[in-house]
Amino acid sequence: MRIIDLSSTLKNGAVNDPPAQRPYIVYTDHEAGRDNMLSFYPGATAEDLPNGLGWAYEGVMLGTHTGTHLDAPWHYHPTMSGGERAITIDEVPLEWCFGDGVKLDFSDKGDGHLITAADVEAKLEEIGYTLKAGDIVLIQSGAGPYQESEDYLIRGCGMGRESTNYLTERGVTVVGTDAWSWDRPLPLVAEEFQKTHDKSIIWEGHFASIDRGYCHIEKLSNLDKLPATGFKVACFPIKIEGASAGWVRPVAIFED
C-alpha cells in the first residue's frame, strides 16, 4: 500500500489563510514541561526523570476553517437539499468520507476561471471516467504551488453552483480543492460583483448545498502527485459538536 498525504501543515506564520484565521501554536519543550509532569507525581523530582526531562506539549489556537478542513453543509446555509436542516460536522456520515478518488486537473484554466458543468463533463470524457455515487472528486485548481505565498488567496480557478450540482446530481457528496476556497478566489469575485452586482456569483459553489447537501475539503496539497483515478481517499473530520467544519488529514491510498 502507498499513501500520499493531501493535507497542508498547521504552523506558525502559515500564509495559506487570511491573517485573522492563521494558527497560533505555543510549544513547550521537555525541559519546560518537566514541572508540569512532576505535578502529576507528588514527591517526584527532576532526578526521577530520564536526564531530568519531562514531556513536551503544545497549545494551539485556531478556527475550524484553519488549514486543511472539511466543510459541513451547515457552513453554507441553515438548510440543504431543498429545505432539510443542514447537518453539522459531527453529523457527516463517515461513509461519505471514504471512497474512490477522482482528480480533475483544471490547473491550466487560470486564476479566477469559473469551472462550468461543461468543463467537468469534458474533463471526465478526457480521462475516460463515469462518476458514480460515493466518488470523492478533487479539483486541481492551479493554486497548489502558491500555498507558501501571500498570493495564495487569489490563485486558482473555482467551482460554481452549476458545476457543483453536476457532481452532486451524480451521487458525489464529498469533493475537495487545493485552493483556499471551493469557489473562485473571493477577492476576484468581489471585484466582479462590484462591477456587475450579479448576486448569483456570491459564494455560488458553496450555496449549491442548498440544492443538494454536500461537503468539501479546502486547502488540499499534493494533488499534482495523483493520477486522475485509481486511488481511494480517506478524509474523516474531527468531531466538533454543532460545528460548521472540522480539521482533516486527507490521504490518497494506492494498492500495490
C-alpha atoms as a PDB file:
ATOM      1  CA  MET A   1       0.000   0.000   0.000  1.00  0.00           C
ATOM      2  CA  ARG A   2       1.183   3.534  -0.808  1.00  0.00           C
ATOM      3  CA  ILE A   3      -0.255   6.613   0.891  1.00  0.00           C
ATOM      4  CA  ILE A   4       0.037  10.267  -0.215  1.00  0.00           C
ATOM      5  CA  ASP A   5      -0.667  12.993   2.319  1.00  0.00           C
ATOM      6  CA  LEU A   6      -3.091  15.547   0.873  1.00  0.00           C
ATOM      7  CA  SER A   7      -3.079  17.955   3.829  1.00  0.00           C
ATOM      8  CA  SER A   8      -1.261  21.207   4.467  1.00  0.00           C
ATOM      9  CA  THR A   9       0.747  21.626   7.674  1.00  0.00           C
ATOM     10  CA  LEU A  10      -0.508  23.736  10.572  1.00  0.00           C
ATOM     11  CA  LYS A  11       2.346  26.018  11.592  1.00  0.00           C
ATOM     12  CA  ASN A  12       3.056  29.458  12.958  1.00  0.00           C
ATOM     13  CA  GLY A  13       3.359  32.007  10.190  1.00  0.00           C
ATOM     14  CA  ALA A  14       1.384  29.962   7.660  1.00  0.00           C
ATOM     15  CA  VAL A  15       0.144  32.206   4.855  1.00  0.00           C
ATOM     16  CA  ASN A  16      -2.448  29.881   3.341  1.00  0.00           C
ATOM     17  CA  ASP A  17      -5.144  31.589   5.422  1.00  0.00           C
ATOM     18  CA  PRO A  18      -6.007  35.272   5.979  1.00  0.00           C
ATOM     19  CA  PRO A  19      -4.174  36.798   8.972  1.00  0.00           C
ATOM     20  CA  ALA A  20      -7.184  36.520  11.288  1.00  0.00           C
ATOM     21  CA  GLN A  21      -7.513  32.786  10.584  1.00  0.00           C
ATOM     22  CA  ARG A  22      -3.887  31.709  10.871  1.00  0.00           C
ATOM     23  CA  PRO A  23      -2.949  29.217  13.610  1.00  0.00           C
ATOM     24  CA  TYR A  24      -1.054  30.222  16.722  1.00  0.00           C
ATOM     25  CA  ILE A  25       0.980  27.446  18.306  1.00  0.00           C
ATOM     26  CA  VAL A  26       2.821  27.630  21.653  1.00  0.00           C
ATOM     27  CA  TYR A  27       5.477  24.928  22.046  1.00  0.00           C
ATOM     28  CA  THR A  28       6.531  23.584  25.456  1.00  0.00           C
ATOM     29  CA  ASP A  29       9.726  21.535  25.230  1.00  0.00           C
ATOM     30  CA  HIS A  30      10.883  18.696  27.517  1.00  0.00           C
ATOM     31  CA  GLU A  31      12.692  20.986  29.930  1.00  0.00           C
ATOM     32  CA  ALA A  32       9.794  23.441  30.216  1.00  0.00           C
ATOM     33  CA  GLY A  33       7.333  20.553  30.560  1.00  0.00           C
ATOM     34  CA  ARG A  34       9.202  18.959  33.457  1.00  0.00           C
ATOM     35  CA  ASP A  35       7.449  20.811  36.275  1.00  0.00           C
ATOM     36  CA  ASN A  36       4.052  20.176  34.736  1.00  0.00           C
ATOM     37  CA  MET A  37       4.812  16.478  34.548  1.00  0.00           C
ATOM     38  CA  LEU A  38       6.132  16.340  38.116  1.00  0.00           C
ATOM     39  CA  SER A  39       2.878  17.883  39.374  1.00  0.00           C
ATOM     40  CA  PHE A  40       1.178  14.614  38.423  1.00  0.00           C
ATOM     41  CA  TYR A  41       3.595  12.594  40.607  1.00  0.00           C
ATOM     42  CA  PRO A  42       3.682  14.006  44.176  1.00  0.00           C
ATOM     43  CA  GLY A  43       7.112  13.560  45.737  1.00  0.00           C
ATOM     44  CA  ALA A  44       8.921  13.071  42.434  1.00  0.00           C
ATOM     45  CA  THR A  45      11.840  15.318  41.469  1.00  0.00           C
ATOM     46  CA  ALA A  46      13.776  16.007  38.320  1.00  0.00           C
ATOM     47  CA  GLU A  47      16.258  13.328  39.372  1.00  0.00           C
ATOM     48  CA  ASP A  48      13.493  10.749  38.923  1.00  0.00           C
ATOM     49  CA  LEU A  49      13.135  11.546  35.201  1.00  0.00           C
ATOM     50  CA  PRO A  50      15.394  10.441  32.316  1.00  0.00           C
ATOM     51  CA  ASN A  51      18.051  13.163  32.025  1.00  0.00           C
ATOM     52  CA  GLY A  52      15.838  15.328  34.235  1.00  0.00           C
ATOM     53  CA  LEU A  53      13.413  15.962  31.362  1.00  0.00           C
ATOM     54  CA  GLY A  54       9.622  15.757  31.225  1.00  0.00           C
ATOM     55  CA  TRP A  55       7.050  15.729  28.451  1.00  0.00           C
ATOM     56  CA  ALA A  56       6.660  18.093  25.532  1.00  0.00           C
ATOM     57  CA  TYR A  57       3.269  19.500  24.596  1.00  0.00           C
ATOM     58  CA  GLU A  58       1.683  22.297  22.612  1.00  0.00           C
ATOM     59  CA  GLY A  59      -1.156  24.769  22.902  1.00  0.00           C
ATOM     60  CA  VAL A  60      -2.944  25.641  19.672  1.00  0.00           C
ATOM     61  CA  MET A  61      -5.355  28.451  18.849  1.00  0.00           C
ATOM     62  CA  LEU A  62      -7.144  28.085  15.532  1.00  0.00           C
ATOM     63  CA  GLY A  63     -10.533  28.265  13.875  1.00  0.00           C
ATOM     64  CA  THR A  64     -12.412  25.308  12.459  1.00  0.00           C
ATOM     65  CA  HIS A  65     -11.642  26.557   8.937  1.00  0.00           C
ATOM     66  CA  THR A  66      -7.909  26.959   9.543  1.00  0.00           C
ATOM     67  CA  GLY A  67      -5.657  24.704   7.476  1.00  0.00           C
ATOM     68  CA  THR A  68      -6.967  21.684   5.618  1.00  0.00           C
ATOM     69  CA  HIS A  69     -10.538  21.111   6.748  1.00  0.00           C
ATOM     70  CA  LEU A  70     -13.842  19.560   5.737  1.00  0.00           C
ATOM     71  CA  ASP A  71     -16.776  21.950   5.474  1.00  0.00           C
ATOM     72  CA  ALA A  72     -20.179  20.662   6.532  1.00  0.00           C
ATOM     73  CA  PRO A  73     -23.412  21.833   4.858  1.00  0.00           C
ATOM     74  CA  TRP A  74     -24.165  23.907   7.984  1.00  0.00           C
ATOM     75  CA  HIS A  75     -21.310  26.213   6.946  1.00  0.00           C
ATOM     76  CA  TYR A  76     -23.071  27.170   3.742  1.00  0.00           C
ATOM     77  CA  HIS A  77     -26.675  27.676   4.878  1.00  0.00           C
ATOM     78  CA  PRO A  78     -29.125  26.583   7.626  1.00  0.00           C
ATOM     79  CA  THR A  79     -30.839  24.260   5.154  1.00  0.00           C
ATOM     80  CA  MET A  80     -29.699  21.832   2.496  1.00  0.00           C
ATOM     81  CA  SER A  81     -31.235  19.616  -0.183  1.00  0.00           C
ATOM     82  CA  GLY A  82     -34.267  21.786  -0.750  1.00  0.00           C
ATOM     83  CA  GLY A  83     -35.266  22.521   2.836  1.00  0.00           C
ATOM     84  CA  GLU A  84     -33.789  19.914   5.181  1.00  0.00           C
ATOM     85  CA  ARG A  85     -31.859  21.156   8.212  1.00  0.00           C
ATOM     86  CA  ALA A  86     -28.229  21.317   7.194  1.00  0.00           C
ATOM     87  CA  ILE A  87     -26.006  18.828   9.000  1.00  0.00           C
ATOM     88  CA  THR A  88     -23.056  19.915  11.120  1.00  0.00           C
ATOM     89  CA  ILE A  89     -19.586  18.366  11.007  1.00  0.00           C
ATOM     90  CA  ASP A  90     -20.309  15.859  13.776  1.00  0.00           C
ATOM     91  CA  GLU A  91     -23.295  14.614  11.774  1.00  0.00           C
ATOM     92  CA  VAL A  92     -21.495  13.996   8.488  1.00  0.00           C
ATOM     93  CA  PRO A  93     -21.863  10.281   7.637  1.00  0.00           C
ATOM     94  CA  LEU A  94     -18.493   8.532   7.838  1.00  0.00           C
ATOM     95  CA  GLU A  95     -19.434   6.638   4.682  1.00  0.00           C
ATOM     96  CA  TRP A  96     -19.165   9.932   2.803  1.00  0.00           C
ATOM     97  CA  CYS A  97     -15.536  10.289   3.863  1.00  0.00           C
ATOM     98  CA  PHE A  98     -14.031   7.206   2.246  1.00  0.00           C
ATOM     99  CA  GLY A  99     -14.366   6.381  -1.417  1.00  0.00           C
ATOM    100  CA  ASP A 100     -12.833   6.165  -4.867  1.00  0.00           C
ATOM    101  CA  GLY A 101     -10.869   9.282  -5.716  1.00  0.00           C
ATOM    102  CA  VAL A 102     -11.194  11.182  -8.976  1.00  0.00           C
ATOM    103  CA  LYS A 103      -8.845  14.068  -9.747  1.00  0.00           C
ATOM    104  CA  LEU A 104      -9.908  16.674 -12.281  1.00  0.00           C
ATOM    105  CA  ASP A 105      -6.988  18.855 -13.331  1.00  0.00           C
ATOM    106  CA  PHE A 106      -8.095  22.370 -14.240  1.00  0.00           C
ATOM    107  CA  SER A 107      -4.772  23.997 -13.377  1.00  0.00           C
ATOM    108  CA  ASP A 108      -4.449  25.300 -16.944  1.00  0.00           C
ATOM    109  CA  LYS A 109      -7.674  27.322 -16.719  1.00  0.00           C
ATOM    110  CA  GLY A 110      -6.122  30.319 -14.989  1.00  0.00           C
ATOM    111  CA  ASP A 111      -6.822  32.265 -11.824  1.00  0.00           C
ATOM    112  CA  GLY A 112     -10.473  33.174 -11.371  1.00  0.00           C
ATOM    113  CA  HIS A 113     -11.840  30.878 -14.063  1.00  0.00           C
ATOM    114  CA  LEU A 114     -15.351  29.634 -13.299  1.00  0.00           C
ATOM    115  CA  ILE A 115     -15.457  25.872 -13.847  1.00  0.00           C
ATOM    116  CA  THR A 116     -18.695  25.012 -15.625  1.00  0.00           C
ATOM    117  CA  ALA A 117     -20.613  21.762 -15.873  1.00  0.00           C
ATOM    118  CA  ALA A 118     -19.389  21.547 -19.458  1.00  0.00           C
ATOM    119  CA  ASP A 119     -15.782  21.813 -18.216  1.00  0.00           C
ATOM    120  CA  VAL A 120     -16.375  18.952 -15.787  1.00  0.00           C
ATOM    121  CA  GLU A 121     -18.088  16.812 -18.387  1.00  0.00           C
ATOM    122  CA  ALA A 122     -15.280  17.402 -20.890  1.00  0.00           C
ATOM    123  CA  LYS A 123     -12.601  16.538 -18.335  1.00  0.00           C
ATOM    124  CA  LEU A 124     -14.374  13.320 -17.359  1.00  0.00           C
ATOM    125  CA  GLU A 125     -14.559  12.367 -21.012  1.00  0.00           C
ATOM    126  CA  GLU A 126     -10.860  13.187 -21.405  1.00  0.00           C
ATOM    127  CA  ILE A 127      -9.861  10.835 -18.566  1.00  0.00           C
ATOM    128  CA  GLY A 128     -12.406   8.213 -19.623  1.00  0.00           C
ATOM    129  CA  TYR A 129     -14.338   8.099 -16.362  1.00  0.00           C
ATOM    130  CA  THR A 130     -18.025   7.986 -15.439  1.00  0.00           C
ATOM    131  CA  LEU A 131     -18.903   9.308 -11.992  1.00  0.00           C
ATOM    132  CA  LYS A 132     -20.750   7.115  -9.535  1.00  0.00           C
ATOM    133  CA  ALA A 133     -22.307   7.658  -6.122  1.00  0.00           C
ATOM    134  CA  GLY A 134     -19.716   7.858  -3.369  1.00  0.00           C
ATOM    135  CA  ASP A 135     -16.828   9.079  -5.518  1.00  0.00           C
ATOM    136  CA  ILE A 136     -14.681  11.788  -3.922  1.00  0.00           C
ATOM    137  CA  VAL A 137     -13.808  14.377  -6.565  1.00  0.00           C
ATOM    138  CA  LEU A 138     -10.682  16.506  -6.103  1.00  0.00           C
ATOM    139  CA  ILE A 139     -10.152  19.688  -8.115  1.00  0.00           C
ATOM    140  CA  GLN A 140      -6.588  20.675  -9.037  1.00  0.00           C
ATOM    141  CA  SER A 141      -7.168  24.393  -9.378  1.00  0.00           C
ATOM    142  CA  GLY A 142      -3.703  25.758 -10.094  1.00  0.00           C
ATOM    143  CA  ALA A 143      -3.443  27.298  -6.622  1.00  0.00           C
ATOM    144  CA  GLY A 144      -1.444  24.446  -5.106  1.00  0.00           C
ATOM    145  CA  PRO A 145       2.055  25.774  -5.884  1.00  0.00           C
ATOM    146  CA  TYR A 146       1.233  29.040  -4.105  1.00  0.00           C
ATOM    147  CA  GLN A 147       0.360  27.665  -0.651  1.00  0.00           C
ATOM    148  CA  GLU A 148       3.518  29.218   0.807  1.00  0.00           C
ATOM    149  CA  SER A 149       2.833  32.567  -0.902  1.00  0.00           C
ATOM    150  CA  GLU A 150       0.781  35.582   0.140  1.00  0.00           C
ATOM    151  CA  ASP A 151      -0.814  35.303  -3.325  1.00  0.00           C
ATOM    152  CA  TYR A 152      -2.463  32.001  -2.449  1.00  0.00           C
ATOM    153  CA  LEU A 153      -5.850  33.559  -1.684  1.00  0.00           C
ATOM    154  CA  ILE A 154      -6.175  34.954  -5.231  1.00  0.00           C
ATOM    155  CA  ARG A 155      -4.846  31.922  -7.089  1.00  0.00           C
ATOM    156  CA  GLY A 156      -6.653  29.110  -8.836  1.00  0.00           C
ATOM    157  CA  CYS A 157      -9.947  28.515 -10.571  1.00  0.00           C
ATOM    158  CA  GLY A 158     -13.121  27.598  -8.746  1.00  0.00           C
ATOM    159  CA  MET A 159     -16.375  25.727  -8.912  1.00  0.00           C
ATOM    160  CA  GLY A 160     -19.774  27.341  -9.384  1.00  0.00           C
ATOM    161  CA  ARG A 161     -23.280  26.291  -8.478  1.00  0.00           C
ATOM    162  CA  GLU A 162     -23.917  24.628 -11.831  1.00  0.00           C
ATOM    163  CA  SER A 163     -20.717  22.576 -11.843  1.00  0.00           C
ATOM    164  CA  THR A 164     -21.126  21.588  -8.178  1.00  0.00           C
ATOM    165  CA  ASN A 165     -24.680  20.446  -8.870  1.00  0.00           C
ATOM    166  CA  TYR A 166     -23.365  18.413 -11.793  1.00  0.00           C
ATOM    167  CA  LEU A 167     -21.319  16.400  -9.300  1.00  0.00           C
ATOM    168  CA  THR A 168     -23.920  16.083  -6.545  1.00  0.00           C
ATOM    169  CA  GLU A 169     -26.638  15.064  -9.017  1.00  0.00           C
ATOM    170  CA  ARG A 170     -24.497  12.002  -9.682  1.00  0.00           C
ATOM    171  CA  GLY A 171     -24.263  10.999  -6.032  1.00  0.00           C
ATOM    172  CA  VAL A 172     -20.998  12.751  -5.127  1.00  0.00           C
ATOM    173  CA  THR A 173     -21.217  14.026  -1.537  1.00  0.00           C
ATOM    174  CA  VAL A 174     -17.580  14.919  -0.770  1.00  0.00           C
ATOM    175  CA  VAL A 175     -15.312  16.983  -3.002  1.00  0.00           C
ATOM    176  CA  GLY A 176     -12.128  18.957  -2.478  1.00  0.00           C
ATOM    177  CA  THR A 177      -9.796  21.584  -3.868  1.00  0.00           C
ATOM    178  CA  ASP A 178      -6.177  22.638  -3.442  1.00  0.00           C
ATOM    179  CA  ALA A 179      -7.323  26.274  -3.436  1.00  0.00           C
ATOM    180  CA  TRP A 180      -8.301  28.350  -0.404  1.00  0.00           C
ATOM    181  CA  SER A 181     -11.951  28.154  -1.389  1.00  0.00           C
ATOM    182  CA  TRP A 182     -14.177  25.756  -3.343  1.00  0.00           C
ATOM    183  CA  ASP A 183     -15.469  28.849  -5.146  1.00  0.00           C
ATOM    184  CA  ARG A 184     -13.352  31.103  -7.288  1.00  0.00           C
ATOM    185  CA  PRO A 185     -10.976  33.313  -5.242  1.00  0.00           C
ATOM    186  CA  LEU A 186     -13.186  35.561  -3.143  1.00  0.00           C
ATOM    187  CA  PRO A 187     -11.268  38.814  -3.842  1.00  0.00           C
ATOM    188  CA  LEU A 188     -11.710  38.260  -7.592  1.00  0.00           C
ATOM    189  CA  VAL A 189     -15.422  37.503  -7.223  1.00  0.00           C
ATOM    190  CA  ALA A 190     -15.798  40.623  -5.061  1.00  0.00           C
ATOM    191  CA  GLU A 191     -14.265  42.754  -7.813  1.00  0.00           C
ATOM    192  CA  GLU A 192     -16.632  41.241 -10.345  1.00  0.00           C
ATOM    193  CA  PHE A 193     -19.634  41.811  -8.098  1.00  0.00           C
ATOM    194  CA  GLN A 194     -18.750  45.481  -7.666  1.00  0.00           C
ATOM    195  CA  LYS A 195     -18.950  45.856 -11.435  1.00  0.00           C
ATOM    196  CA  THR A 196     -21.979  43.693 -12.191  1.00  0.00           C
ATOM    197  CA  HIS A 197     -23.973  43.486  -8.926  1.00  0.00           C
ATOM    198  CA  ASP A 198     -24.862  39.949 -10.014  1.00  0.00           C
ATOM    199  CA  LYS A 199     -25.827  38.289  -6.735  1.00  0.00           C
ATOM    200  CA  SER A 200     -25.724  34.810  -8.311  1.00  0.00           C
ATOM    201  CA  ILE A 201     -21.908  34.827  -8.248  1.00  0.00           C
ATOM    202  CA  ILE A 202     -21.677  35.285  -4.458  1.00  0.00           C
ATOM    203  CA  TRP A 203     -20.356  32.048  -2.904  1.00  0.00           C
ATOM    204  CA  GLU A 204     -22.232  30.142  -5.574  1.00  0.00           C
ATOM    205  CA  GLY A 205     -20.318  26.869  -5.280  1.00  0.00           C
ATOM    206  CA  HIS A 206     -20.966  26.751  -1.546  1.00  0.00           C
ATOM    207  CA  PHE A 207     -24.625  27.702  -1.928  1.00  0.00           C
ATOM    208  CA  ALA A 208     -25.123  24.678  -4.225  1.00  0.00           C
ATOM    209  CA  SER A 209     -25.601  22.725  -0.994  1.00  0.00           C
ATOM    210  CA  ILE A 210     -28.970  24.461  -0.630  1.00  0.00           C
ATOM    211  CA  ASP A 211     -29.992  22.414  -3.671  1.00  0.00           C
ATOM    212  CA  ARG A 212     -28.268  19.188  -2.628  1.00  0.00           C
ATOM    213  CA  GLY A 213     -26.256  18.799   0.559  1.00  0.00           C
ATOM    214  CA  TYR A 214     -22.554  18.039   0.213  1.00  0.00           C
ATOM    215  CA  CYS A 215     -19.174  18.580   1.926  1.00  0.00           C
ATOM    216  CA  HIS A 216     -15.954  19.939   0.530  1.00  0.00           C
ATOM    217  CA  ILE A 217     -12.321  19.911   1.612  1.00  0.00           C
ATOM    218  CA  GLU A 218     -10.321  23.104   1.182  1.00  0.00           C
ATOM    219  CA  LYS A 219      -6.543  23.702   1.122  1.00  0.00           C
ATOM    220  CA  LEU A 220      -5.512  20.271  -0.106  1.00  0.00           C
ATOM    221  CA  SER A 221      -1.885  19.594  -1.042  1.00  0.00           C
ATOM    222  CA  ASN A 222      -0.007  17.294  -3.421  1.00  0.00           C
ATOM    223  CA  LEU A 223      -2.806  16.901  -5.961  1.00  0.00           C
ATOM    224  CA  ASP A 224      -0.125  17.137  -8.659  1.00  0.00           C
ATOM    225  CA  LYS A 225       1.182  13.771  -7.409  1.00  0.00           C
ATOM    226  CA  LEU A 226      -2.108  11.986  -8.096  1.00  0.00           C
ATOM    227  CA  PRO A 227      -3.294  10.287 -11.265  1.00  0.00           C
ATOM    228  CA  ALA A 228      -6.803  11.011 -12.479  1.00  0.00           C
ATOM    229  CA  THR A 229      -8.194   7.785 -10.999  1.00  0.00           C
ATOM    230  CA  GLY A 230      -7.082   4.532  -9.362  1.00  0.00           C
ATOM    231  CA  PHE A 231      -6.874   5.550  -5.700  1.00  0.00           C
ATOM    232  CA  LYS A 232      -9.016   5.770  -2.586  1.00  0.00           C
ATOM    233  CA  VAL A 233      -9.484   8.903  -0.495  1.00  0.00           C
ATOM    234  CA  ALA A 234      -9.942   8.904   3.276  1.00  0.00           C
ATOM    235  CA  CYS A 235     -10.902  12.228   4.856  1.00  0.00           C
ATOM    236  CA  PHE A 236     -12.507  11.722   8.267  1.00  0.00           C
ATOM    237  CA  PRO A 237     -13.036  15.031  10.111  1.00  0.00           C
ATOM    238  CA  ILE A 238     -12.543  15.789  13.790  1.00  0.00           C
ATOM    239  CA  LYS A 239     -15.924  15.734  15.560  1.00  0.00           C
ATOM    240  CA  ILE A 240     -16.829  19.145  16.970  1.00  0.00           C
ATOM    241  CA  GLU A 241     -20.370  19.347  18.265  1.00  0.00           C
ATOM    242  CA  GLY A 242     -22.570  21.627  16.176  1.00  0.00           C
ATOM    243  CA  ALA A 243     -19.646  22.998  14.158  1.00  0.00           C
ATOM    244  CA  SER A 244     -19.540  24.119  10.541  1.00  0.00           C
ATOM    245  CA  ALA A 245     -16.221  22.407   9.793  1.00  0.00           C
ATOM    246  CA  GLY A 246     -13.588  20.096  11.217  1.00  0.00           C
ATOM    247  CA  TRP A 247      -9.871  19.666  10.643  1.00  0.00           C
ATOM    248  CA  VAL A 248      -8.965  16.709   8.490  1.00  0.00           C
ATOM    249  CA  ARG A 249      -5.832  14.958   7.281  1.00  0.00           C
ATOM    250  CA  PRO A 250      -6.957  13.531   3.949  1.00  0.00           C
ATOM    251  CA  VAL A 251      -4.866  10.855   2.271  1.00  0.00           C
ATOM    252  CA  ALA A 252      -4.843   9.136  -1.091  1.00  0.00           C
ATOM    253  CA  ILE A 253      -4.394   5.366  -0.807  1.00  0.00           C
ATOM    254  CA  PHE A 254      -2.983   3.203  -3.583  1.00  0.00           C
ATOM    255  CA  GLU A 255      -2.992  -0.576  -3.538  1.00  0.00           C
ATOM    256  CA  ASP A 256       0.320  -2.026  -4.794  1.00  0.00           C
END
